[in-house]
Protein backbone atom coordinates (compact mmCIF):
# COMPACT_ATOMS: atom_id res chain seq x y z
CA MET A 1 25.84 81.67 94.60
CA PRO A 2 25.57 84.88 92.53
CA GLU A 3 22.44 86.99 92.60
CA SER A 4 19.93 86.42 89.80
CA PHE A 5 20.83 88.06 86.49
CA VAL A 6 17.42 89.76 86.53
CA LEU A 7 15.95 91.36 89.64
CA CYS A 8 12.21 91.98 89.93
CA GLU A 9 10.59 94.78 91.91
CA LYS A 10 6.83 95.16 91.97
CA ARG A 11 5.22 98.56 92.41
CA GLY A 12 1.49 97.96 92.40
CA GLN A 13 0.57 96.69 88.95
CA ILE A 14 4.03 97.43 87.53
CA ALA A 15 6.98 95.02 87.53
CA ILE A 16 10.45 96.54 87.14
CA LEU A 17 12.96 94.01 85.78
CA THR A 18 16.59 95.05 86.14
CA MET A 19 19.47 93.24 84.45
CA ASN A 20 21.91 93.01 87.32
CA ARG A 21 25.52 92.54 86.21
CA GLU A 22 26.86 96.07 86.53
CA ALA A 23 30.51 94.92 86.49
CA THR A 24 30.08 93.54 82.94
CA ARG A 25 27.62 96.24 81.83
CA ASN A 26 24.83 93.68 82.08
CA ALA A 27 26.26 91.39 79.43
CA ILE A 28 24.69 87.94 79.26
CA GLY A 29 27.49 85.43 79.68
CA SER A 30 26.08 82.10 80.83
CA HIS A 31 23.16 79.75 80.51
CA GLN A 32 22.29 80.54 84.09
CA ASP A 33 21.90 84.21 83.09
CA CYS A 34 19.49 83.09 80.36
CA GLN A 35 17.61 80.83 82.76
CA ASP A 36 17.32 83.66 85.30
CA PHE A 37 15.90 85.93 82.59
CA VAL A 38 13.38 83.33 81.44
CA SER A 39 12.33 82.33 84.97
CA VAL A 40 11.73 85.88 86.16
CA LEU A 41 9.86 86.86 83.01
CA GLU A 42 7.65 83.78 83.13
CA SER A 43 6.89 84.41 86.80
CA VAL A 44 5.77 87.96 85.99
CA GLN A 45 3.89 86.83 82.90
CA TYR A 46 1.69 84.52 84.96
CA ASP A 47 1.09 87.08 87.72
CA PRO A 48 -2.52 88.23 87.19
CA GLU A 49 -1.84 91.45 89.10
CA VAL A 50 0.84 92.77 86.70
CA SER A 51 -0.33 95.12 83.95
CA CYS A 52 2.97 96.58 82.70
CA ILE A 53 6.67 95.68 82.78
CA ILE A 54 9.69 98.00 82.68
CA LEU A 55 12.99 96.43 81.57
CA THR A 56 16.21 98.30 82.39
CA GLY A 57 19.83 97.74 83.40
CA ALA A 58 21.80 98.27 86.58
CA GLY A 59 24.41 101.02 86.62
CA THR A 60 25.19 103.02 83.48
CA ALA A 61 24.38 100.43 80.80
CA PHE A 62 21.22 98.77 79.56
CA SER A 63 23.08 95.72 78.27
CA ALA A 64 26.40 95.26 76.49
CA GLY A 65 24.94 92.14 74.83
CA GLY A 66 26.94 88.93 74.92
CA ASN A 67 29.94 88.50 77.21
CA LEU A 68 32.94 88.71 74.85
CA ARG A 69 35.33 87.07 77.31
CA ALA A 70 33.04 84.03 77.54
CA ILE A 71 32.75 83.96 73.75
CA ARG A 72 36.55 84.06 73.39
CA ASP A 73 36.98 81.29 75.96
CA ARG A 74 34.16 79.22 74.42
CA ASN A 75 32.45 78.55 77.73
CA GLY A 76 29.25 80.62 77.65
CA ILE A 77 26.16 81.06 75.51
CA GLY A 78 28.05 81.31 72.20
CA PRO A 79 30.62 79.01 70.57
CA LEU A 80 31.72 75.76 72.19
CA LYS A 81 34.88 73.74 71.73
CA GLU A 82 33.22 71.25 69.32
CA PRO A 83 31.57 73.42 66.64
CA PRO A 84 29.46 73.80 64.63
CA ASP A 85 26.55 71.58 65.69
CA SER A 86 27.15 71.99 69.42
CA THR A 87 27.34 75.78 69.04
CA ARG A 88 24.08 75.81 67.09
CA ALA A 89 22.37 73.90 69.90
CA ASN A 90 23.99 76.20 72.45
CA TYR A 91 22.28 79.24 70.91
CA ARG A 92 18.96 77.44 70.80
CA ARG A 93 18.98 76.42 74.45
CA GLY A 94 20.44 79.71 75.69
CA VAL A 95 19.91 83.18 74.35
CA GLN A 96 17.20 82.17 71.89
CA ARG A 97 15.05 81.00 74.84
CA VAL A 98 15.25 84.56 76.20
CA VAL A 99 14.15 85.94 72.83
CA HIS A 100 11.22 83.51 72.60
CA THR A 101 10.09 84.37 76.13
CA LEU A 102 10.26 88.12 75.54
CA TRP A 103 8.40 87.85 72.25
CA ASN A 104 5.65 85.69 73.74
CA CYS A 105 5.11 87.84 76.83
CA GLU A 106 1.55 89.18 76.73
CA ILE A 107 2.13 92.05 79.16
CA PRO A 108 2.93 95.51 77.71
CA MET A 109 6.65 96.15 78.18
CA ILE A 110 8.69 99.36 78.25
CA ALA A 111 12.46 99.35 77.73
CA ALA A 112 14.00 102.09 79.88
CA ILE A 113 17.36 102.30 78.11
CA ASN A 114 19.72 103.89 80.61
CA GLY A 115 22.98 103.54 78.66
CA HIS A 116 24.59 101.33 76.04
CA ALA A 117 22.32 98.80 74.31
CA ILE A 118 24.73 96.82 72.17
CA GLY A 119 24.32 93.68 70.05
CA LEU A 120 22.05 91.32 71.96
CA GLY A 121 21.27 94.23 74.32
CA LEU A 122 19.82 96.23 71.42
CA ASP A 123 17.69 93.28 70.32
CA LEU A 124 16.37 92.77 73.85
CA ALA A 125 15.28 96.42 73.84
CA CYS A 126 13.64 96.00 70.44
CA LEU A 127 11.57 93.09 71.74
CA CYS A 128 9.90 95.51 74.15
CA ASP A 129 6.79 97.33 72.94
CA ILE A 130 7.94 100.84 73.81
CA ARG A 131 11.51 102.15 74.06
CA ILE A 132 12.49 105.24 76.05
CA ALA A 133 16.17 106.21 76.22
CA SER A 134 18.31 108.51 78.31
CA GLU A 135 20.27 111.23 76.53
CA SER A 136 23.51 109.34 77.08
CA ALA A 137 22.26 106.05 75.62
CA LYS A 138 24.13 104.45 72.72
CA PHE A 139 22.96 101.75 70.33
CA ALA A 140 24.68 99.28 68.02
CA SER A 141 23.98 96.03 66.22
CA SER A 142 27.68 95.31 66.47
CA PHE A 143 27.88 91.60 65.60
CA ILE A 144 29.63 92.27 62.28
CA LYS A 145 32.46 94.06 64.10
CA MET A 146 33.22 90.75 65.84
CA GLY A 147 33.02 88.78 62.58
CA ILE A 148 29.68 87.13 63.44
CA ILE A 149 26.00 87.57 62.65
CA PRO A 150 22.96 88.38 64.86
CA GLY A 151 22.58 84.91 66.35
CA ASP A 152 19.75 86.02 68.61
CA GLY A 153 17.31 86.68 65.76
CA GLY A 154 18.24 90.34 65.31
CA ALA A 155 17.83 90.12 61.52
CA TRP A 156 14.12 89.50 62.18
CA ILE A 157 13.75 91.72 65.26
CA LEU A 158 15.49 94.92 64.14
CA PRO A 159 13.65 95.51 60.81
CA ARG A 160 10.35 95.38 62.70
CA ALA A 161 11.57 98.20 64.92
CA VAL A 162 13.25 100.54 62.42
CA GLY A 163 12.40 99.28 58.92
CA LEU A 164 14.53 97.23 56.55
CA SER A 165 16.82 100.01 55.29
CA ASN A 166 17.74 101.31 58.74
CA ALA A 167 18.17 97.76 60.05
CA ALA A 168 20.45 96.88 57.12
CA GLU A 169 22.60 99.95 57.79
CA LEU A 170 22.94 99.11 61.48
CA ILE A 171 23.68 95.41 60.87
CA PHE A 172 26.04 95.86 57.90
CA THR A 173 28.10 98.68 59.43
CA GLY A 174 27.97 97.72 63.10
CA ASP A 175 28.15 101.45 63.81
CA THR A 176 27.23 102.89 67.18
CA ILE A 177 24.57 105.61 67.11
CA ASP A 178 23.46 108.09 69.76
CA ALA A 179 20.00 108.78 71.18
CA PRO A 180 19.10 111.67 68.78
CA LEU A 181 19.76 109.49 65.73
CA ALA A 182 17.94 106.56 67.34
CA LEU A 183 14.96 108.87 67.87
CA ALA A 184 15.08 110.09 64.26
CA MET A 185 15.02 106.54 62.85
CA GLY A 186 12.21 105.42 65.19
CA LEU A 187 14.36 103.05 67.23
CA ILE A 188 13.14 104.85 70.37
CA SER A 189 9.97 106.86 70.92
CA ARG A 190 11.44 109.31 73.43
CA GLN A 191 14.81 110.75 74.44
CA VAL A 192 14.77 112.03 78.02
CA PRO A 193 17.26 113.44 80.53
CA ASP A 194 19.31 110.74 82.24
CA LYS A 195 17.99 111.55 85.71
CA SER A 196 14.37 111.51 84.54
CA LEU A 197 14.38 108.18 82.70
CA MET A 198 12.81 105.94 85.35
CA ASP A 199 10.34 108.59 86.50
CA ILE A 200 9.10 109.03 82.94
CA ALA A 201 9.01 105.27 82.34
CA LEU A 202 7.01 104.76 85.54
CA THR A 203 4.58 107.54 84.63
CA LEU A 204 3.95 105.89 81.25
CA ALA A 205 3.67 102.45 82.87
CA ASN A 206 1.06 103.77 85.29
CA ARG A 207 -0.95 105.26 82.43
CA ILE A 208 -0.91 101.85 80.74
CA ALA A 209 -1.68 99.95 83.95
CA ALA A 210 -4.71 102.17 84.63
CA ASN A 211 -6.55 100.34 81.84
CA PRO A 212 -8.37 96.98 82.03
CA ARG A 213 -5.79 94.22 82.47
CA ARG A 214 -7.37 91.59 80.22
CA ALA A 215 -7.90 94.04 77.40
CA LEU A 216 -4.25 95.13 77.66
CA ARG A 217 -2.99 91.58 77.25
CA LEU A 218 -5.35 90.85 74.37
CA SER A 219 -4.35 94.10 72.66
CA LYS A 220 -0.67 93.23 72.90
CA ARG A 221 -1.30 89.76 71.48
CA LEU A 222 -3.10 91.34 68.53
CA LEU A 223 -0.16 93.69 67.91
CA ARG A 224 2.22 90.74 67.91
CA GLU A 225 0.06 88.66 65.58
CA GLY A 226 -0.47 91.68 63.33
CA GLN A 227 3.24 91.70 62.50
CA GLN A 228 3.09 88.18 61.11
CA GLN A 229 -0.39 87.43 59.75
CA ARG A 230 -2.63 88.59 56.93
CA LEU A 231 -5.28 91.21 57.63
CA ALA A 232 -8.01 88.59 57.21
CA ASP A 233 -6.41 86.43 59.89
CA VAL A 234 -6.02 89.35 62.29
CA LEU A 235 -9.66 90.33 61.72
CA GLU A 236 -10.75 86.82 62.67
CA LEU A 237 -8.57 86.90 65.79
CA SER A 238 -9.85 90.38 66.63
CA ALA A 239 -13.44 89.17 66.50
CA ALA A 240 -12.62 86.29 68.85
CA PHE A 241 -10.70 88.51 71.28
CA GLN A 242 -13.43 91.14 71.20
CA ALA A 243 -16.03 88.52 72.08
CA LEU A 244 -13.97 87.71 75.17
CA ALA A 245 -13.45 91.36 76.09
CA HIS A 246 -17.18 92.16 75.90
CA GLU A 247 -17.86 89.60 78.62
CA THR A 248 -15.40 91.02 81.18
CA SER A 249 -16.55 92.89 84.25
CA ASP A 250 -14.05 95.67 83.47
CA HIS A 251 -15.80 96.31 80.14
CA VAL A 252 -19.14 96.64 81.93
CA GLU A 253 -17.54 98.96 84.48
CA ALA A 254 -15.99 101.09 81.73
CA LEU A 255 -19.37 101.55 80.06
CA ASP A 256 -21.13 102.35 83.34
CA ALA A 257 -18.45 104.82 84.41
CA PHE A 258 -18.53 106.62 81.07
CA LEU A 259 -22.32 106.94 81.04
CA GLU A 260 -22.41 107.95 84.71
CA LYS A 261 -19.58 110.46 84.17
CA ARG A 262 -17.30 109.05 86.90
CA PRO A 263 -13.82 107.47 87.00
CA PRO A 264 -13.89 103.70 86.40
CA GLN A 265 -12.84 101.25 89.08
CA PHE A 266 -11.26 98.32 87.28
CA THR A 267 -10.68 95.03 89.09
CA GLY A 268 -9.06 92.89 86.38
CA GLY A 269 -12.20 90.84 85.92
């Protein structure tokens, strides 16, 4: 039986998730790949000790997206032999479950983009909260080049990362862009040397994880809701979340440590 599509390594409060199909540049080709992704992410999501997640790829690619051979042979997560209704359901029960799970994850997540992030791979990166890329990374929303559309929700995901005009250019052309251009359009927040990518991602993850765990998860949920709701609705949710945060032991510890001029000792309570 093949190893899980996603491997999980915990380093203290940080979980490193690695897409693990180096031979196919971490392309997602089967429903088992999708199930592996969902299962690992849900396991981490419900781990009360985890405060930050890093998502990356094995080898020299982040993810090449969908497995084109499986798409051609109609035996993977894309088209089936009896379209169109069966193919529509195939997307819903496969790759779209991965998208839902990533979007609903309440733990801050960093994409450490170590190489090509193409098609579905680009959208997976965009579902992370922070994106850091190596100098050799490449990016493309390449569905149009294959005569298809972003079936994973990319038409909703990408504009929220780079704005409507940039997203339209990427989706309509299918062009591949490099890390400097990705940085200029806001697709990534940092471009770093290849050899330094994971060290820099871990340093950032540790800075995030040093903060109160419950407040981190509530803050991420507010950011997610803020992209979809009216200001009035987010203000109401903020008041409710703040009422919860004020009653945590980490909030009390933060106040005491500040007033006593000492480093806080957070416990996740």
